[in-house]
């Protein structure tokens, strides 16, 4: 066996790292704490476990409540207005889909140290990477458009003109994004996250029917029968619940 063949054989036997970018392998600077890369001490007390969880849970919480946007709220409200509780079963079916999608991309990111778009480029080439990035850019543009529509409607509800509230909302979004500090951005997102908790008192004030909610979750069907309108609304529920940006984030 020649020396070149021997070296080639040895290189195949050497384990290679799955990490694609060492820049992302370092300390975790979360909104509520920092975990050093060298910190491998077991968390034996509940206090240490909770502090560690608070340091790393931020992105997960942000993604979790990210669908509580103008498009999602309006879609769910339309479903309740037109079909009552009868479409709740669609949300129950989407729960395992959400779990699988987000757990899969989180695992990939944790192992490789890069995001979903970079993984597509590495595996399928830069053309598919740019294609996926272009698609998510277009979808995000459309999503942000619906957000500003929601800001406009909310402003009108409080007697504020859209020409005032929409530019202010856009300026705040840009300032948060270009701040250059992920921890500061994450903390800013937590302000909106806690604002989403306002839906809980609204739930109580709406006095939902327990029997109706339970039946809607476990009994597939559509109030009034399946029509083109109900089918489109089911598609909208799926689209606003399982969104592509969740995987990229």
C-alpha atoms as a PDB file:
ATOM      1  CA  UNK A   1       0.000   0.000   0.000  1.00  0.00           C
ATOM      2  CA  UNK A   2       1.422   3.400  -1.001  1.00  0.00           C
ATOM      3  CA  UNK A   3       1.870   6.266   1.464  1.00  0.00           C
ATOM      4  CA  UNK A   4      -0.824   8.318  -0.296  1.00  0.00           C
ATOM      5  CA  UNK A   5      -3.375   5.504  -0.030  1.00  0.00           C
ATOM      6  CA  UNK A   6      -2.466   5.005   3.624  1.00  0.00           C
ATOM      7  CA  UNK A   7      -2.998   8.692   4.413  1.00  0.00           C
ATOM      8  CA  UNK A   8      -6.309   8.668   2.543  1.00  0.00           C
ATOM      9  CA  UNK A   9      -7.472   5.643   4.514  1.00  0.00           C
ATOM     10  CA  UNK A  10      -6.428   7.246   7.804  1.00  0.00           C
ATOM     11  CA  UNK A  11      -8.331  10.442   6.969  1.00  0.00           C
ATOM     12  CA  UNK A  12     -11.493   8.418   6.407  1.00  0.00           C
ATOM     13  CA  UNK A  13     -11.114   6.808   9.810  1.00  0.00           C
ATOM     14  CA  UNK A  14     -10.671  10.100  11.674  1.00  0.00           C
ATOM     15  CA  UNK A  15     -13.918  11.449  13.136  1.00  0.00           C
ATOM     16  CA  UNK A  16     -14.918  14.834  11.779  1.00  0.00           C
ATOM     17  CA  UNK A  17     -16.736  17.517  13.724  1.00  0.00           C
ATOM     18  CA  UNK A  18     -20.298  18.395  12.806  1.00  0.00           C
ATOM     19  CA  UNK A  19     -19.702  22.021  13.783  1.00  0.00           C
ATOM     20  CA  UNK A  20     -19.733  24.176  10.652  1.00  0.00           C
ATOM     21  CA  UNK A  21     -18.967  27.508  12.302  1.00  0.00           C
ATOM     22  CA  UNK A  22     -16.813  27.812  15.420  1.00  0.00           C
ATOM     23  CA  UNK A  23     -17.891  31.437  15.858  1.00  0.00           C
ATOM     24  CA  UNK A  24     -21.235  30.241  17.190  1.00  0.00           C
ATOM     25  CA  UNK A  25     -19.670  27.880  19.707  1.00  0.00           C
ATOM     26  CA  UNK A  26     -19.157  30.033  22.780  1.00  0.00           C
ATOM     27  CA  UNK A  27     -20.781  31.525  25.828  1.00  0.00           C
ATOM     28  CA  UNK A  28     -24.562  31.790  25.872  1.00  0.00           C
ATOM     29  CA  UNK A  29     -25.627  35.365  26.604  1.00  0.00           C
ATOM     30  CA  UNK A  30     -29.338  35.160  27.282  1.00  0.00           C
ATOM     31  CA  UNK A  31     -31.760  37.863  28.318  1.00  0.00           C
ATOM     32  CA  UNK A  32     -31.677  36.712  31.939  1.00  0.00           C
ATOM     33  CA  UNK A  33     -28.159  35.410  32.383  1.00  0.00           C
ATOM     34  CA  UNK A  34     -24.967  34.023  30.884  1.00  0.00           C
ATOM     35  CA  UNK A  35     -23.703  30.457  30.663  1.00  0.00           C
ATOM     36  CA  UNK A  36     -19.988  30.057  30.041  1.00  0.00           C
ATOM     37  CA  UNK A  37     -18.879  27.476  27.520  1.00  0.00           C
ATOM     38  CA  UNK A  38     -16.635  25.961  30.190  1.00  0.00           C
ATOM     39  CA  UNK A  39     -19.482  25.690  32.697  1.00  0.00           C
ATOM     40  CA  UNK A  40     -20.299  21.987  32.846  1.00  0.00           C
ATOM     41  CA  UNK A  41     -21.209  21.904  36.523  1.00  0.00           C
ATOM     42  CA  UNK A  42     -24.337  19.810  37.177  1.00  0.00           C
ATOM     43  CA  UNK A  43     -27.360  21.829  38.290  1.00  0.00           C
ATOM     44  CA  UNK A  44     -28.246  20.015  41.501  1.00  0.00           C
ATOM     45  CA  UNK A  45     -30.613  22.559  43.037  1.00  0.00           C
ATOM     46  CA  UNK A  46     -33.880  23.885  41.657  1.00  0.00           C
ATOM     47  CA  UNK A  47     -32.574  27.450  41.903  1.00  0.00           C
ATOM     48  CA  UNK A  48     -29.590  26.691  39.660  1.00  0.00           C
ATOM     49  CA  UNK A  49     -31.792  24.820  37.226  1.00  0.00           C
ATOM     50  CA  UNK A  50     -34.267  27.687  36.967  1.00  0.00           C
ATOM     51  CA  UNK A  51     -31.485  30.257  36.479  1.00  0.00           C
ATOM     52  CA  UNK A  52     -29.966  28.125  33.730  1.00  0.00           C
ATOM     53  CA  UNK A  53     -33.344  27.700  32.071  1.00  0.00           C
ATOM     54  CA  UNK A  54     -33.953  31.455  32.130  1.00  0.00           C
ATOM     55  CA  UNK A  55     -30.618  32.028  30.399  1.00  0.00           C
ATOM     56  CA  UNK A  56     -31.414  29.755  27.452  1.00  0.00           C
ATOM     57  CA  UNK A  57     -35.202  29.773  27.165  1.00  0.00           C
ATOM     58  CA  UNK A  58     -35.512  33.164  25.449  1.00  0.00           C
ATOM     59  CA  UNK A  59     -35.441  32.161  21.754  1.00  0.00           C
ATOM     60  CA  UNK A  60     -37.842  29.295  22.416  1.00  0.00           C
ATOM     61  CA  UNK A  61     -40.379  31.554  24.109  1.00  0.00           C
ATOM     62  CA  UNK A  62     -40.092  34.151  21.355  1.00  0.00           C
ATOM     63  CA  UNK A  63     -40.771  31.548  18.667  1.00  0.00           C
ATOM     64  CA  UNK A  64     -43.610  30.101  20.744  1.00  0.00           C
ATOM     65  CA  UNK A  65     -45.508  33.389  20.939  1.00  0.00           C
ATOM     66  CA  UNK A  66     -44.375  34.584  17.516  1.00  0.00           C
ATOM     67  CA  UNK A  67     -47.589  33.304  15.961  1.00  0.00           C
ATOM     68  CA  UNK A  68     -49.641  35.570  18.199  1.00  0.00           C
ATOM     69  CA  UNK A  69     -49.414  38.184  15.483  1.00  0.00           C
ATOM     70  CA  UNK A  70     -52.000  40.133  13.552  1.00  0.00           C
ATOM     71  CA  UNK A  71     -52.379  37.428  10.904  1.00  0.00           C
ATOM     72  CA  UNK A  72     -52.713  34.628  13.427  1.00  0.00           C
ATOM     73  CA  UNK A  73     -55.117  36.451  15.721  1.00  0.00           C
ATOM     74  CA  UNK A  74     -57.335  37.540  12.831  1.00  0.00           C
ATOM     75  CA  UNK A  75     -57.380  34.016  11.366  1.00  0.00           C
ATOM     76  CA  UNK A  76     -58.305  32.379  14.660  1.00  0.00           C
ATOM     77  CA  UNK A  77     -60.890  35.071  15.364  1.00  0.00           C
ATOM     78  CA  UNK A  78     -62.437  34.523  11.936  1.00  0.00           C
ATOM     79  CA  UNK A  79     -62.572  30.777  12.571  1.00  0.00           C
ATOM     80  CA  UNK A  80     -64.335  31.305  15.884  1.00  0.00           C
ATOM     81  CA  UNK A  81     -66.732  33.855  14.442  1.00  0.00           C
ATOM     82  CA  UNK A  82     -67.778  31.718  11.474  1.00  0.00           C
ATOM     83  CA  UNK A  83     -67.543  28.185  12.862  1.00  0.00           C
ATOM     84  CA  UNK A  84     -67.526  28.457  16.644  1.00  0.00           C
ATOM     85  CA  UNK A  85     -65.468  25.764  18.371  1.00  0.00           C
ATOM     86  CA  UNK A  86     -65.797  23.264  15.530  1.00  0.00           C
ATOM     87  CA  UNK A  87     -62.298  23.896  14.080  1.00  0.00           C
ATOM     88  CA  UNK A  88     -60.348  23.498  17.315  1.00  0.00           C
ATOM     89  CA  UNK A  89     -59.401  19.962  16.299  1.00  0.00           C
ATOM     90  CA  UNK A  90     -57.127  21.406  13.601  1.00  0.00           C
ATOM     91  CA  UNK A  91     -54.964  23.011  16.290  1.00  0.00           C
ATOM     92  CA  UNK A  92     -54.760  19.741  18.195  1.00  0.00           C
ATOM     93  CA  UNK A  93     -53.484  17.980  15.069  1.00  0.00           C
ATOM     94  CA  UNK A  94     -50.899  20.700  14.467  1.00  0.00           C
ATOM     95  CA  UNK A  95     -49.291  20.387  17.911  1.00  0.00           C
ATOM     96  CA  UNK A  96     -47.127  17.323  17.030  1.00  0.00           C
ATOM     97  CA  UNK A  97     -46.182  18.962  13.719  1.00  0.00           C
ATOM     98  CA  UNK A  98     -44.909  22.023  15.567  1.00  0.00           C
ATOM     99  CA  UNK A  99     -43.007  19.887  18.060  1.00  0.00           C
ATOM    100  CA  UNK A 100     -41.283  17.814  15.364  1.00  0.00           C
ATOM    101  CA  UNK A 101     -40.381  20.813  13.175  1.00  0.00           C
ATOM    102  CA  UNK A 102     -38.942  22.967  15.917  1.00  0.00           C
ATOM    103  CA  UNK A 103     -37.196  20.135  17.764  1.00  0.00           C
ATOM    104  CA  UNK A 104     -35.579  19.033  14.510  1.00  0.00           C
ATOM    105  CA  UNK A 105     -34.120  22.422  13.602  1.00  0.00           C
ATOM    106  CA  UNK A 106     -33.075  23.146  17.200  1.00  0.00           C
ATOM    107  CA  UNK A 107     -31.188  19.853  17.276  1.00  0.00           C
ATOM    108  CA  UNK A 108     -29.515  20.636  13.945  1.00  0.00           C
ATOM    109  CA  UNK A 109     -28.510  24.087  15.156  1.00  0.00           C
ATOM    110  CA  UNK A 110     -27.178  22.772  18.456  1.00  0.00           C
ATOM    111  CA  UNK A 111     -25.019  20.166  16.713  1.00  0.00           C
ATOM    112  CA  UNK A 112     -23.723  22.211  13.769  1.00  0.00           C
ATOM    113  CA  UNK A 113     -23.615  25.698  15.261  1.00  0.00           C
ATOM    114  CA  UNK A 114     -25.345  27.287  12.257  1.00  0.00           C
ATOM    115  CA  UNK A 115     -28.859  28.070  11.121  1.00  0.00           C
ATOM    116  CA  UNK A 116     -31.229  26.299   8.775  1.00  0.00           C
ATOM    117  CA  UNK A 117     -30.333  28.400   5.712  1.00  0.00           C
ATOM    118  CA  UNK A 118     -26.619  27.670   6.109  1.00  0.00           C
ATOM    119  CA  UNK A 119     -27.360  23.959   6.406  1.00  0.00           C
ATOM    120  CA  UNK A 120     -29.328  24.029   3.152  1.00  0.00           C
ATOM    121  CA  UNK A 121     -26.391  25.721   1.414  1.00  0.00           C
ATOM    122  CA  UNK A 122     -23.903  23.216   2.812  1.00  0.00           C
ATOM    123  CA  UNK A 123     -25.968  20.174   1.877  1.00  0.00           C
ATOM    124  CA  UNK A 124     -27.612  21.162  -1.417  1.00  0.00           C
ATOM    125  CA  UNK A 125     -25.449  24.003  -2.709  1.00  0.00           C
ATOM    126  CA  UNK A 126     -25.554  27.778  -2.736  1.00  0.00           C
ATOM    127  CA  UNK A 127     -28.296  27.927  -5.367  1.00  0.00           C
ATOM    128  CA  UNK A 128     -30.781  26.174  -3.121  1.00  0.00           C
ATOM    129  CA  UNK A 129     -29.487  28.219  -0.195  1.00  0.00           C
ATOM    130  CA  UNK A 130     -30.246  31.471  -1.999  1.00  0.00           C
ATOM    131  CA  UNK A 131     -33.593  30.078  -3.136  1.00  0.00           C
ATOM    132  CA  UNK A 132     -34.604  29.248   0.442  1.00  0.00           C
ATOM    133  CA  UNK A 133     -33.339  32.604   1.712  1.00  0.00           C
ATOM    134  CA  UNK A 134     -35.264  34.421  -1.021  1.00  0.00           C
ATOM    135  CA  UNK A 135     -38.414  32.506  -0.185  1.00  0.00           C
ATOM    136  CA  UNK A 136     -38.197  33.294   3.515  1.00  0.00           C
ATOM    137  CA  UNK A 137     -37.448  36.948   2.685  1.00  0.00           C
ATOM    138  CA  UNK A 138     -40.627  37.157   0.602  1.00  0.00           C
ATOM    139  CA  UNK A 139     -42.700  35.409   3.249  1.00  0.00           C
ATOM    140  CA  UNK A 140     -41.304  37.639   5.983  1.00  0.00           C
ATOM    141  CA  UNK A 141     -42.088  40.718   3.897  1.00  0.00           C
ATOM    142  CA  UNK A 142     -45.702  39.598   3.530  1.00  0.00           C
ATOM    143  CA  UNK A 143     -45.871  38.716   7.222  1.00  0.00           C
ATOM    144  CA  UNK A 144     -44.526  42.112   8.267  1.00  0.00           C
ATOM    145  CA  UNK A 145     -47.095  43.732   5.979  1.00  0.00           C
ATOM    146  CA  UNK A 146     -49.878  42.009   7.907  1.00  0.00           C
ATOM    147  CA  UNK A 147     -48.261  43.127  11.172  1.00  0.00           C
ATOM    148  CA  UNK A 148     -48.397  46.754  10.096  1.00  0.00           C
ATOM    149  CA  UNK A 149     -52.017  46.250   9.082  1.00  0.00           C
ATOM    150  CA  UNK A 150     -52.646  45.044  12.615  1.00  0.00           C
ATOM    151  CA  UNK A 151     -50.809  48.062  14.042  1.00  0.00           C
ATOM    152  CA  UNK A 152     -52.954  50.312  11.872  1.00  0.00           C
ATOM    153  CA  UNK A 153     -56.197  48.692  13.024  1.00  0.00           C
ATOM    154  CA  UNK A 154     -55.123  48.790  16.671  1.00  0.00           C
ATOM    155  CA  UNK A 155     -54.208  52.458  16.346  1.00  0.00           C
ATOM    156  CA  UNK A 156     -57.575  53.292  14.813  1.00  0.00           C
ATOM    157  CA  UNK A 157     -59.284  51.504  17.700  1.00  0.00           C
ATOM    158  CA  UNK A 158     -57.589  53.944  20.096  1.00  0.00           C
ATOM    159  CA  UNK A 159     -58.260  56.927  17.842  1.00  0.00           C
ATOM    160  CA  UNK A 160     -54.739  57.168  16.393  1.00  0.00           C
ATOM    161  CA  UNK A 161     -54.080  57.750  12.721  1.00  0.00           C
ATOM    162  CA  UNK A 162     -52.216  55.024  10.777  1.00  0.00           C
ATOM    163  CA  UNK A 163     -49.814  57.630   9.365  1.00  0.00           C
ATOM    164  CA  UNK A 164     -48.593  58.152  12.931  1.00  0.00           C
ATOM    165  CA  UNK A 165     -48.562  54.714  14.534  1.00  0.00           C
ATOM    166  CA  UNK A 166     -47.227  52.719  11.570  1.00  0.00           C
ATOM    167  CA  UNK A 167     -44.019  54.794  11.113  1.00  0.00           C
ATOM    168  CA  UNK A 168     -43.441  54.730  14.873  1.00  0.00           C
ATOM    169  CA  UNK A 169     -43.813  50.934  14.932  1.00  0.00           C
ATOM    170  CA  UNK A 170     -41.477  50.613  11.936  1.00  0.00           C
ATOM    171  CA  UNK A 171     -38.874  52.848  13.585  1.00  0.00           C
ATOM    172  CA  UNK A 172     -38.980  50.828  16.811  1.00  0.00           C
ATOM    173  CA  UNK A 173     -38.577  47.596  14.841  1.00  0.00           C
ATOM    174  CA  UNK A 174     -35.590  48.951  12.923  1.00  0.00           C
ATOM    175  CA  UNK A 175     -33.922  50.288  16.077  1.00  0.00           C
ATOM    176  CA  UNK A 176     -34.282  46.937  17.813  1.00  0.00           C
ATOM    177  CA  UNK A 177     -32.926  45.066  14.798  1.00  0.00           C
ATOM    178  CA  UNK A 178     -29.878  47.263  14.126  1.00  0.00           C
ATOM    179  CA  UNK A 179     -28.866  47.582  17.767  1.00  0.00           C
ATOM    180  CA  UNK A 180     -26.228  44.904  17.162  1.00  0.00           C
ATOM    181  CA  UNK A 181     -26.755  43.275  20.537  1.00  0.00           C
ATOM    182  CA  UNK A 182     -28.696  40.012  20.691  1.00  0.00           C
ATOM    183  CA  UNK A 183     -29.261  40.234  24.436  1.00  0.00           C
ATOM    184  CA  UNK A 184     -30.768  43.722  24.088  1.00  0.00           C
ATOM    185  CA  UNK A 185     -32.938  42.501  21.219  1.00  0.00           C
ATOM    186  CA  UNK A 186     -34.081  39.483  23.201  1.00  0.00           C
ATOM    187  CA  UNK A 187     -35.014  41.637  26.178  1.00  0.00           C
ATOM    188  CA  UNK A 188     -37.007  43.938  23.907  1.00  0.00           C
ATOM    189  CA  UNK A 189     -38.876  40.947  22.529  1.00  0.00           C
ATOM    190  CA  UNK A 190     -39.800  39.901  26.051  1.00  0.00           C
ATOM    191  CA  UNK A 191     -41.757  43.144  26.388  1.00  0.00           C
ATOM    192  CA  UNK A 192     -43.980  42.029  23.523  1.00  0.00           C
ATOM    193  CA  UNK A 193     -44.004  38.497  24.894  1.00  0.00           C
ATOM    194  CA  UNK A 194     -45.493  39.596  28.204  1.00  0.00           C
ATOM    195  CA  UNK A 195     -47.961  41.810  26.334  1.00  0.00           C
ATOM    196  CA  UNK A 196     -49.255  38.641  24.685  1.00  0.00           C
ATOM    197  CA  UNK A 197     -50.351  37.424  28.115  1.00  0.00           C
ATOM    198  CA  UNK A 198     -53.220  39.903  27.876  1.00  0.00           C
ATOM    199  CA  UNK A 199     -55.120  37.213  25.972  1.00  0.00           C
ATOM    200  CA  UNK A 200     -55.529  35.286  29.237  1.00  0.00           C
ATOM    201  CA  UNK A 201     -57.908  37.789  30.889  1.00  0.00           C
ATOM    202  CA  UNK A 202     -59.675  38.089  27.530  1.00  0.00           C
ATOM    203  CA  UNK A 203     -60.196  34.327  27.637  1.00  0.00           C
ATOM    204  CA  UNK A 204     -61.825  34.607  31.050  1.00  0.00           C
ATOM    205  CA  UNK A 205     -63.978  37.561  30.020  1.00  0.00           C
ATOM    206  CA  UNK A 206     -65.286  35.701  26.953  1.00  0.00           C
ATOM    207  CA  UNK A 207     -66.852  32.973  29.170  1.00  0.00           C
ATOM    208  CA  UNK A 208     -66.108  30.009  26.861  1.00  0.00           C
ATOM    209  CA  UNK A 209     -68.213  26.877  27.021  1.00  0.00           C
ATOM    210  CA  UNK A 210     -66.150  24.064  28.510  1.00  0.00           C
ATOM    211  CA  UNK A 211     -68.222  21.371  26.831  1.00  0.00           C
ATOM    212  CA  UNK A 212     -68.042  23.155  23.489  1.00  0.00           C
ATOM    213  CA  UNK A 213     -64.265  23.564  23.694  1.00  0.00           C
ATOM    214  CA  UNK A 214     -63.729  19.910  24.607  1.00  0.00           C
ATOM    215  CA  UNK A 215     -66.018  18.729  21.826  1.00  0.00           C
ATOM    216  CA  UNK A 216     -64.287  20.988  19.310  1.00  0.00           C
ATOM    217  CA  UNK A 217     -60.880  19.544  20.203  1.00  0.00           C
ATOM    218  CA  UNK A 218     -61.809  15.861  20.041  1.00  0.00           C
ATOM    219  CA  UNK A 219     -64.520  15.810  17.358  1.00  0.00           C
ATOM    220  CA  UNK A 220     -63.319  16.578  13.817  1.00  0.00           C
ATOM    221  CA  UNK A 221     -65.927  18.378  11.802  1.00  0.00           C
ATOM    222  CA  UNK A 222     -67.072  21.749  10.532  1.00  0.00           C
ATOM    223  CA  UNK A 223     -70.113  23.584  11.779  1.00  0.00           C
ATOM    224  CA  UNK A 224     -72.499  23.841   8.835  1.00  0.00           C
ATOM    225  CA  UNK A 225     -70.582  21.294   6.764  1.00  0.00           C
ATOM    226  CA  UNK A 226     -67.429  21.475   4.686  1.00  0.00           C
ATOM    227  CA  UNK A 227     -67.544  24.319   2.165  1.00  0.00           C
ATOM    228  CA  UNK A 228     -64.992  26.219   0.123  1.00  0.00           C
ATOM    229  CA  UNK A 229     -64.896  28.942   2.777  1.00  0.00           C
ATOM    230  CA  UNK A 230     -64.280  26.502   5.618  1.00  0.00           C
ATOM    231  CA  UNK A 231     -61.636  24.640   3.584  1.00  0.00           C
ATOM    232  CA  UNK A 232     -59.765  27.884   2.885  1.00  0.00           C
ATOM    233  CA  UNK A 233     -59.976  28.810   6.548  1.00  0.00           C
ATOM    234  CA  UNK A 234     -58.510  25.439   7.557  1.00  0.00           C
ATOM    235  CA  UNK A 235     -55.649  26.051   5.122  1.00  0.00           C
ATOM    236  CA  UNK A 236     -55.161  29.507   6.658  1.00  0.00           C
ATOM    237  CA  UNK A 237     -55.058  28.011  10.161  1.00  0.00           C
ATOM    238  CA  UNK A 238     -52.386  25.533   9.088  1.00  0.00           C
ATOM    239  CA  UNK A 239     -50.392  28.255   7.327  1.00  0.00           C
ATOM    240  CA  UNK A 240     -50.445  30.695  10.219  1.00  0.00           C
ATOM    241  CA  UNK A 241     -49.656  28.005  12.808  1.00  0.00           C
ATOM    242  CA  UNK A 242     -46.832  26.126  11.052  1.00  0.00           C
ATOM    243  CA  UNK A 243     -44.779  28.914   9.475  1.00  0.00           C
ATOM    244  CA  UNK A 244     -41.453  28.556   7.596  1.00  0.00           C
ATOM    245  CA  UNK A 245     -39.766  31.302   9.616  1.00  0.00           C
ATOM    246  CA  UNK A 246     -40.036  29.095  12.718  1.00  0.00           C
ATOM    247  CA  UNK A 247     -37.453  26.737  11.242  1.00  0.00           C
ATOM    248  CA  UNK A 248     -35.105  29.513  10.155  1.00  0.00           C
ATOM    249  CA  UNK A 249     -35.265  31.273  13.515  1.00  0.00           C
END
